[in-house]
Amino acid sequence: MNSIAPPDSWQATTPGRLSAKLASLAALLAILSPLGVQIRAAPLDPPSPEVVREARTIVAEMKASERGPYLRLRWFCNDGTVQPPVAFACRDRGGGRQHAEYSAARERLAALGWSVGTIFAASDWSTLWEGEDRRLRLRELPIERYLIDVDDGWVLRRAQFYRGRVQIEDEERAGRSLLLQLMEEVDWVSNHFLATREVVRAVPHGTGDDLTRTIRRTAQSIAEKDSSFERLRVETHSSPSAATAERVRSWASAGRRDTRVTKE
């Protein structure tokens, strides 16, 4: 995935929050990089300023659009046809799946180097496994998930509420199939374990929420609002233990006591 500037909303945040978010993203990018001597591909050339400007414009328009990176809803039938979103459209066509169709703007952004609004039910293994050892399309998935999580939906800001854009059962079924195929690439997985772990976290496959990630992001959010929690945030991220939980409870209790004193 090419480098792209942080989402527009980050530019309006405070320097401290921006630094924290950039640090988190930098750590994620480091995890997604191949390890040490395992890097064999030549360095990527950065995108030109013209490409970055065009990509920024497309992303901003997607954020403001009720359909984000999508054009319309369609049935994708097993006989290869695409049908309007009417009931039982694929019943006599071998079955199929209903989800959103990518817009021309999304396809243009993908051509520029950034695939967004990923629908796993519309993704096949050959698409995700394209390229050389870098597997850039595969590596995009955790970064896309990160931006959606930290930037209020990012390109899905309004499209999160676009009814029918995905069917979760189809996404999980397709996600499981893609991950099983990834696990068959034994050499790549063994040499890129951390990247594999992040891909598994990003791809829906029916195992529920990632509790560790939720805890870390909650700790980050608390520290951004109250600097007195910063040491506990660091502990939560680096060396959590049962004692950490007790210290968090004590911190929260002290905060409630301070609130009562102030009110009195």
Protein backbone atom coordinates (compact mmCIF):
# COMPACT_ATOMS: atom_id res chain seq x y z
CA MET A 1 0.00 0.00 0.00
CA ASN A 2 1.36 3.39 -0.93
CA SER A 3 1.93 6.05 1.71
CA ILE A 4 -0.93 8.49 2.14
CA ALA A 5 -1.34 11.43 4.46
CA PRO A 6 -3.46 11.04 7.62
CA PRO A 7 -7.23 11.53 7.31
CA ASP A 8 -8.38 15.15 7.11
CA SER A 9 -10.03 15.01 10.53
CA TRP A 10 -6.62 14.39 12.15
CA GLN A 11 -5.46 17.81 11.04
CA ALA A 12 -8.02 19.47 13.30
CA THR A 13 -7.05 17.54 16.41
CA THR A 14 -4.62 18.63 19.10
CA PRO A 15 -0.87 18.03 18.62
CA GLY A 16 -0.84 15.52 21.46
CA ARG A 17 -3.66 13.45 20.06
CA LEU A 18 -2.24 13.64 16.56
CA SER A 19 1.17 12.47 17.79
CA ALA A 20 -0.42 9.56 19.63
CA LYS A 21 -2.39 8.49 16.59
CA LEU A 22 0.60 8.80 14.30
CA ALA A 23 2.70 6.83 16.76
CA SER A 24 0.07 4.09 16.83
CA LEU A 25 -0.06 3.97 13.05
CA ALA A 26 3.73 3.94 12.81
CA ALA A 27 3.84 0.97 15.18
CA LEU A 28 1.26 -0.84 13.09
CA LEU A 29 3.19 -0.16 9.89
CA ALA A 30 6.34 -1.49 11.55
CA ILE A 31 4.49 -4.68 12.47
CA LEU A 32 3.25 -5.07 8.91
CA SER A 33 6.75 -4.79 7.45
CA PRO A 34 8.64 -8.00 6.70
CA LEU A 35 11.21 -8.75 9.38
CA GLY A 36 14.85 -7.76 8.95
CA VAL A 37 16.67 -9.73 6.28
CA GLN A 38 13.40 -11.16 5.03
CA ILE A 39 12.88 -7.94 3.01
CA ARG A 40 13.83 -8.90 -0.52
CA ALA A 41 11.81 -6.56 -2.72
CA ALA A 42 13.22 -3.24 -3.88
CA PRO A 43 11.97 -0.09 -2.11
CA LEU A 44 8.72 1.35 -3.40
CA ASP A 45 8.75 4.73 -5.09
CA PRO A 46 6.51 7.22 -3.25
CA PRO A 47 3.41 8.43 -5.11
CA SER A 48 3.68 11.74 -6.91
CA PRO A 49 2.12 14.90 -5.39
CA GLU A 50 -0.48 14.83 -8.19
CA VAL A 51 -1.52 11.28 -7.26
CA VAL A 52 -1.74 12.17 -3.56
CA ARG A 53 -3.89 15.22 -4.32
CA GLU A 54 -6.27 13.18 -6.45
CA ALA A 55 -6.48 10.47 -3.79
CA ARG A 56 -7.18 13.05 -1.07
CA THR A 57 -10.03 14.50 -3.13
CA ILE A 58 -11.60 11.08 -3.72
CA VAL A 59 -11.33 10.14 -0.03
CA ALA A 60 -12.91 13.46 1.07
CA GLU A 61 -15.82 12.91 -1.32
CA MET A 62 -16.32 9.37 -0.02
CA LYS A 63 -16.41 10.61 3.57
CA ALA A 64 -19.21 13.02 2.67
CA SER A 65 -21.20 10.55 0.59
CA GLU A 66 -24.04 8.48 2.02
CA ARG A 67 -22.79 5.58 -0.09
CA GLY A 68 -19.08 6.15 0.47
CA PRO A 69 -17.07 3.98 -1.94
CA TYR A 70 -20.14 2.20 -3.30
CA LEU A 71 -22.43 2.78 -6.28
CA ARG A 72 -25.54 0.71 -5.62
CA LEU A 73 -26.82 -2.63 -4.29
CA ARG A 74 -26.87 -5.68 -6.54
CA TRP A 75 -27.29 -9.44 -6.45
CA PHE A 76 -24.19 -11.32 -7.62
CA CYS A 77 -25.46 -14.70 -8.78
CA ASN A 78 -23.49 -17.91 -9.03
CA ASP A 79 -24.11 -18.12 -12.78
CA GLY A 80 -21.97 -14.99 -13.18
CA THR A 81 -24.81 -12.55 -13.74
CA VAL A 82 -25.48 -9.36 -11.76
CA GLN A 83 -29.11 -8.66 -10.94
CA PRO A 84 -31.11 -5.76 -9.42
CA PRO A 85 -31.76 -5.90 -5.66
CA VAL A 86 -35.14 -7.61 -5.80
CA ALA A 87 -36.27 -10.55 -3.72
CA PHE A 88 -34.99 -13.97 -4.83
CA ALA A 89 -33.12 -12.49 -7.81
CA CYS A 90 -30.63 -15.40 -7.82
CA ARG A 91 -33.06 -18.18 -6.92
CA ASP A 92 -33.09 -19.62 -10.45
CA ARG A 93 -29.44 -18.73 -11.09
CA GLY A 94 -27.72 -21.10 -8.70
CA GLY A 95 -28.00 -18.80 -5.68
CA GLY A 96 -25.79 -15.83 -4.94
CA ARG A 97 -24.98 -12.96 -2.61
CA GLN A 98 -26.33 -9.45 -2.26
CA HIS A 99 -23.98 -6.57 -1.43
CA ALA A 100 -22.91 -3.17 -2.66
CA GLU A 101 -21.18 -2.62 -5.97
CA TYR A 102 -17.99 -0.53 -5.96
CA SER A 103 -18.25 2.96 -7.44
CA ALA A 104 -16.10 4.28 -10.28
CA ALA A 105 -14.38 6.56 -7.74
CA ARG A 106 -13.44 3.57 -5.59
CA GLU A 107 -12.02 1.77 -8.60
CA ARG A 108 -10.04 4.87 -9.54
CA LEU A 109 -8.63 5.11 -6.01
CA ALA A 110 -7.68 1.43 -6.18
CA ALA A 111 -5.90 2.09 -9.48
CA LEU A 112 -3.96 4.88 -7.77
CA GLY A 113 -2.81 2.40 -5.14
CA TRP A 114 -5.39 2.47 -2.33
CA SER A 115 -8.17 -0.11 -2.21
CA VAL A 116 -10.90 0.92 0.25
CA GLY A 117 -14.35 -0.19 1.38
CA THR A 118 -13.30 -3.82 1.02
CA ILE A 119 -16.20 -6.27 0.62
CA PHE A 120 -14.84 -9.72 1.38
CA ALA A 121 -17.77 -11.47 -0.28
CA ALA A 122 -16.65 -9.74 -3.49
CA SER A 123 -12.96 -10.56 -3.00
CA ASP A 124 -11.19 -13.60 -4.36
CA TRP A 125 -7.90 -15.10 -3.28
CA SER A 126 -6.05 -14.18 -6.45
CA THR A 127 -6.86 -10.50 -5.89
CA LEU A 128 -5.62 -10.46 -2.29
CA TRP A 129 -2.54 -12.55 -3.10
CA GLU A 130 -1.43 -10.40 -6.06
CA GLY A 131 2.07 -9.08 -6.43
CA GLU A 132 5.42 -10.38 -5.26
CA ASP A 133 6.51 -11.21 -1.72
CA ARG A 134 5.25 -7.86 -0.42
CA ARG A 135 1.58 -8.91 -0.90
CA LEU A 136 0.57 -5.25 -0.73
CA ARG A 137 -3.16 -5.85 -1.17
CA LEU A 138 -3.14 -8.24 1.75
CA ARG A 139 -1.20 -5.76 3.89
CA GLU A 140 -3.68 -3.00 3.10
CA LEU A 141 -6.44 -4.73 5.03
CA PRO A 142 -5.18 -4.04 8.60
CA ILE A 143 -4.38 -0.42 7.72
CA GLU A 144 -7.83 0.06 6.20
CA ARG A 145 -9.38 -1.43 9.35
CA TYR A 146 -7.26 0.87 11.53
CA LEU A 147 -8.34 4.02 9.66
CA ILE A 148 -12.00 3.01 9.86
CA ASP A 149 -11.66 2.46 13.61
CA VAL A 150 -9.81 5.68 14.50
CA ASP A 151 -11.34 8.10 11.99
CA ASP A 152 -15.08 7.65 12.60
CA GLY A 153 -15.51 5.24 9.72
CA TRP A 154 -13.07 7.00 7.37
CA VAL A 155 -14.41 6.41 3.83
CA LEU A 156 -17.41 4.67 5.44
CA ARG A 157 -18.20 7.65 7.66
CA ARG A 158 -21.76 7.91 6.30
CA ALA A 159 -21.87 4.65 4.36
CA GLN A 160 -21.76 2.65 7.62
CA PHE A 161 -25.51 3.16 7.64
CA TYR A 162 -26.00 2.24 3.97
CA ARG A 163 -28.36 -0.66 4.46
CA GLY A 164 -27.42 -3.82 2.60
CA ARG A 165 -23.88 -2.77 1.65
CA VAL A 166 -22.68 -6.06 3.18
CA GLN A 167 -24.28 -9.09 4.77
CA ILE A 168 -22.26 -10.04 7.84
CA GLU A 169 -22.84 -13.78 7.42
CA ASP A 170 -21.49 -13.61 3.85
CA GLU A 171 -18.53 -11.49 4.99
CA GLU A 172 -17.61 -13.96 7.72
CA ARG A 173 -18.00 -16.96 5.42
CA ALA A 174 -15.86 -15.36 2.73
CA GLY A 175 -13.35 -14.14 5.34
CA ARG A 176 -12.90 -17.63 6.79
CA SER A 177 -12.30 -19.05 3.31
CA LEU A 178 -9.69 -16.39 2.51
CA LEU A 179 -7.87 -16.93 5.82
CA LEU A 180 -7.81 -20.71 5.33
CA GLN A 181 -6.16 -20.15 1.96
CA LEU A 182 -3.67 -17.81 3.59
CA MET A 183 -2.80 -20.49 6.16
CA GLU A 184 -1.90 -22.83 3.28
CA GLU A 185 0.91 -20.44 2.33
CA VAL A 186 3.08 -21.95 5.04
CA ASP A 187 6.38 -20.38 4.04
CA TRP A 188 4.95 -16.86 3.77
CA VAL A 189 3.03 -17.14 7.05
CA SER A 190 6.06 -18.47 8.94
CA ASN A 191 8.23 -15.64 7.60
CA HIS A 192 5.59 -12.93 8.14
CA PHE A 193 3.89 -14.00 11.34
CA LEU A 194 3.10 -10.51 12.65
CA ALA A 195 1.64 -9.40 9.33
CA THR A 196 -0.45 -12.57 9.27
CA ARG A 197 -1.72 -11.90 12.76
CA GLU A 198 -2.86 -8.40 11.79
CA VAL A 199 -4.58 -9.71 8.66
CA VAL A 200 -6.48 -12.26 10.76
CA ARG A 201 -7.58 -9.46 13.07
CA ALA A 202 -8.79 -7.36 10.13
CA VAL A 203 -10.69 -10.02 8.20
CA PRO A 204 -14.15 -10.94 9.55
CA HIS A 205 -14.37 -14.66 10.22
CA GLY A 206 -16.94 -15.09 12.98
CA THR A 207 -14.83 -15.17 16.15
CA GLY A 208 -16.16 -11.98 17.73
CA ASP A 209 -14.29 -8.90 18.88
CA ASP A 210 -10.55 -8.66 19.49
CA LEU A 211 -10.60 -7.98 23.25
CA THR A 212 -6.91 -7.08 23.47
CA ARG A 213 -7.21 -4.44 20.78
CA THR A 214 -10.39 -3.06 22.35
CA ILE A 215 -8.66 -2.69 25.74
CA ARG A 216 -5.65 -0.95 24.23
CA ARG A 217 -7.73 1.48 22.22
CA THR A 218 -9.89 2.26 25.25
CA ALA A 219 -6.75 2.98 27.28
CA GLN A 220 -5.49 5.26 24.50
CA SER A 221 -8.79 7.14 24.42
CA ILE A 222 -8.79 7.65 28.21
CA ALA A 223 -5.18 8.92 28.19
CA GLU A 224 -6.03 11.43 25.46
CA LYS A 225 -8.77 12.86 27.67
CA ASP A 226 -6.89 12.69 30.99
CA SER A 227 -3.08 12.81 31.02
CA SER A 228 -2.97 11.29 34.52
CA PHE A 229 -3.84 7.96 32.90
CA GLU A 230 -0.79 8.01 30.62
CA ARG A 231 1.38 5.74 32.77
CA LEU A 232 -1.43 3.20 32.97
CA ARG A 233 -1.91 3.46 29.21
CA VAL A 234 1.76 2.59 28.69
CA GLU A 235 1.50 -0.31 31.12
CA THR A 236 -1.67 -1.58 29.42
CA HIS A 237 0.04 -1.52 26.04
CA SER A 238 3.42 -2.91 27.05
CA SER A 239 3.19 -5.18 30.11
CA PRO A 240 -0.40 -5.69 31.33
CA SER A 241 -1.04 -7.95 34.32
CA ALA A 242 -3.64 -8.59 36.99
CA ALA A 243 -2.02 -5.77 38.97
CA THR A 244 -2.71 -3.41 36.05
CA ALA A 245 -6.43 -4.05 36.37
CA GLU A 246 -6.30 -3.20 40.07
CA ARG A 247 -4.38 0.01 39.40
CA VAL A 248 -6.95 1.02 36.77
CA ARG A 249 -9.76 0.43 39.28
CA SER A 250 -7.94 2.53 41.86
CA TRP A 251 -7.43 5.33 39.31
CA ALA A 252 -11.13 5.26 38.42
CA SER A 253 -12.17 5.25 42.09
CA ALA A 254 -9.94 8.23 42.83
CA GLY A 255 -11.51 10.09 39.94
CA ARG A 256 -15.01 9.45 41.28
CA ARG A 257 -13.98 10.69 44.72
CA ASP A 258 -12.50 13.86 43.20
CA THR A 259 -15.75 14.44 41.32
CA ARG A 260 -17.79 14.15 44.52
CA VAL A 261 -15.50 16.59 46.36
CA THR A 262 -15.74 19.12 43.53
CA LYS A 263 -19.53 18.93 43.49
CA GLU A 264 -19.72 19.43 47.24
